[in-house]
C-alpha atoms as a PDB file:
ATOM      1  CA  UNK A   1      -6.488  -1.832  26.091  1.00  0.00           C
ATOM      2  CA  UNK A   2      -2.871  -0.857  25.899  1.00  0.00           C
ATOM      3  CA  UNK A   3      -2.317   2.893  26.146  1.00  0.00           C
ATOM      4  CA  UNK A   4      -0.563   4.686  23.299  1.00  0.00           C
ATOM      5  CA  UNK A   5       2.968   5.506  24.414  1.00  0.00           C
ATOM      6  CA  UNK A   6       3.251   8.511  22.085  1.00  0.00           C
ATOM      7  CA  UNK A   7      -0.012   9.992  23.320  1.00  0.00           C
ATOM      8  CA  UNK A   8       0.937   9.319  26.940  1.00  0.00           C
ATOM      9  CA  UNK A   9       4.399  10.880  26.701  1.00  0.00           C
ATOM     10  CA  UNK A  10       3.870  13.696  24.201  1.00  0.00           C
ATOM     11  CA  UNK A  11       0.114  14.303  24.227  1.00  0.00           C
ATOM     12  CA  UNK A  12      -0.350  13.730  20.484  1.00  0.00           C
ATOM     13  CA  UNK A  13      -1.814  10.733  18.723  1.00  0.00           C
ATOM     14  CA  UNK A  14       0.386   8.497  16.595  1.00  0.00           C
ATOM     15  CA  UNK A  15      -0.359   7.020  13.170  1.00  0.00           C
ATOM     16  CA  UNK A  16      -1.584   3.807  14.796  1.00  0.00           C
ATOM     17  CA  UNK A  17      -3.966   5.337  17.326  1.00  0.00           C
ATOM     18  CA  UNK A  18      -7.346   3.676  16.933  1.00  0.00           C
ATOM     19  CA  UNK A  19      -6.069   0.463  15.365  1.00  0.00           C
ATOM     20  CA  UNK A  20      -6.438  -1.589  18.545  1.00  0.00           C
ATOM     21  CA  UNK A  21      -9.970  -0.295  19.198  1.00  0.00           C
ATOM     22  CA  UNK A  22     -10.898  -0.874  15.539  1.00  0.00           C
ATOM     23  CA  UNK A  23      -9.680  -4.487  15.779  1.00  0.00           C
ATOM     24  CA  UNK A  24     -11.825  -5.054  18.866  1.00  0.00           C
ATOM     25  CA  UNK A  25     -14.838  -3.535  17.095  1.00  0.00           C
ATOM     26  CA  UNK A  26     -14.146  -5.767  14.101  1.00  0.00           C
ATOM     27  CA  UNK A  27     -14.118  -8.901  16.276  1.00  0.00           C
ATOM     28  CA  UNK A  28     -17.418  -7.796  17.825  1.00  0.00           C
ATOM     29  CA  UNK A  29     -18.947  -7.550  14.366  1.00  0.00           C
ATOM     30  CA  UNK A  30     -19.258  -3.760  14.352  1.00  0.00           C
ATOM     31  CA  UNK A  31     -17.789  -3.305  10.875  1.00  0.00           C
ATOM     32  CA  UNK A  32     -18.904   0.280  10.251  1.00  0.00           C
ATOM     33  CA  UNK A  33     -17.691   1.436  13.656  1.00  0.00           C
ATOM     34  CA  UNK A  34     -14.333  -0.258  13.034  1.00  0.00           C
ATOM     35  CA  UNK A  35     -13.961   1.606   9.742  1.00  0.00           C
ATOM     36  CA  UNK A  36     -14.899   4.910  11.376  1.00  0.00           C
ATOM     37  CA  UNK A  37     -12.374   4.316  14.152  1.00  0.00           C
ATOM     38  CA  UNK A  38      -9.486   3.416  11.828  1.00  0.00           C
ATOM     39  CA  UNK A  39     -10.223   3.484   8.078  1.00  0.00           C
ATOM     40  CA  UNK A  40      -7.143   1.468   7.118  1.00  0.00           C
ATOM     41  CA  UNK A  41      -8.222  -1.591   9.105  1.00  0.00           C
ATOM     42  CA  UNK A  42      -9.603  -3.456   6.078  1.00  0.00           C
ATOM     43  CA  UNK A  43      -6.766  -2.640   3.713  1.00  0.00           C
ATOM     44  CA  UNK A  44      -4.256  -3.669   6.367  1.00  0.00           C
ATOM     45  CA  UNK A  45      -6.015  -7.017   6.653  1.00  0.00           C
ATOM     46  CA  UNK A  46      -5.815  -7.390   2.871  1.00  0.00           C
ATOM     47  CA  UNK A  47      -2.123  -6.463   2.910  1.00  0.00           C
ATOM     48  CA  UNK A  48      -1.225  -8.994   5.593  1.00  0.00           C
ATOM     49  CA  UNK A  49      -3.363 -11.667   3.907  1.00  0.00           C
ATOM     50  CA  UNK A  50      -1.526 -11.038   0.639  1.00  0.00           C
ATOM     51  CA  UNK A  51       1.878 -11.289   2.323  1.00  0.00           C
ATOM     52  CA  UNK A  52       0.885 -14.471   4.153  1.00  0.00           C
ATOM     53  CA  UNK A  53      -0.648 -16.033   1.046  1.00  0.00           C
ATOM     54  CA  UNK A  54       2.476 -15.242  -0.972  1.00  0.00           C
ATOM     55  CA  UNK A  55       4.399 -17.597   1.277  1.00  0.00           C
ATOM     56  CA  UNK A  56       1.983 -20.419   0.419  1.00  0.00           C
ATOM     57  CA  UNK A  57       1.240 -19.952  -3.285  1.00  0.00           C
ATOM     58  CA  UNK A  58       2.568 -18.020  -6.253  1.00  0.00           C
ATOM     59  CA  UNK A  59       0.530 -14.890  -6.978  1.00  0.00           C
ATOM     60  CA  UNK A  60       0.747 -13.282 -10.426  1.00  0.00           C
ATOM     61  CA  UNK A  61       1.672  -9.571 -10.347  1.00  0.00           C
ATOM     62  CA  UNK A  62       2.424  -9.842  -6.628  1.00  0.00           C
ATOM     63  CA  UNK A  63       4.779  -6.866  -6.455  1.00  0.00           C
ATOM     64  CA  UNK A  64       2.372  -4.557  -8.307  1.00  0.00           C
ATOM     65  CA  UNK A  65      -0.510  -5.534  -6.008  1.00  0.00           C
ATOM     66  CA  UNK A  66       1.744  -5.144  -2.983  1.00  0.00           C
ATOM     67  CA  UNK A  67       2.826  -1.623  -3.972  1.00  0.00           C
ATOM     68  CA  UNK A  68      -0.770  -0.575  -4.616  1.00  0.00           C
ATOM     69  CA  UNK A  69      -1.942  -1.893  -1.245  1.00  0.00           C
ATOM     70  CA  UNK A  70       0.960  -0.222   0.555  1.00  0.00           C
ATOM     71  CA  UNK A  71       0.184   3.097  -1.167  1.00  0.00           C
ATOM     72  CA  UNK A  72      -3.510   2.844  -0.265  1.00  0.00           C
ATOM     73  CA  UNK A  73      -2.643   1.996   3.345  1.00  0.00           C
ATOM     74  CA  UNK A  74      -0.230   4.895   3.630  1.00  0.00           C
ATOM     75  CA  UNK A  75      -2.782   7.311   2.184  1.00  0.00           C
ATOM     76  CA  UNK A  76      -5.499   6.106   4.554  1.00  0.00           C
ATOM     77  CA  UNK A  77      -3.263   6.134   7.630  1.00  0.00           C
ATOM     78  CA  UNK A  78      -1.788   9.578   6.953  1.00  0.00           C
ATOM     79  CA  UNK A  79      -5.186  10.976   5.946  1.00  0.00           C
ATOM     80  CA  UNK A  80      -6.790   9.627   9.110  1.00  0.00           C
ATOM     81  CA  UNK A  81      -3.976  11.083  11.207  1.00  0.00           C
ATOM     82  CA  UNK A  82      -4.455  14.573   9.822  1.00  0.00           C
ATOM     83  CA  UNK A  83      -8.244  14.392  10.075  1.00  0.00           C
ATOM     84  CA  UNK A  84      -7.989  13.634  13.782  1.00  0.00           C
END
């Protein structure tokens, strides 16, 4: 695993700490452990899938869905950061 540069240099975790470990847990099939490690893992997957799909097909209400997913991701990431 790649070490977190922010944690290495400053001794504090960044907003992305846990994402890499959660992705590995997700690929291993440990879905609950992945969510516990980094709660925004599933909404980030949805967000990137939406952005990728938008390039292939037209999605009705795309911008509204995008803003909602971004807001949910930000809330989960910031909330997880402060809980740690």
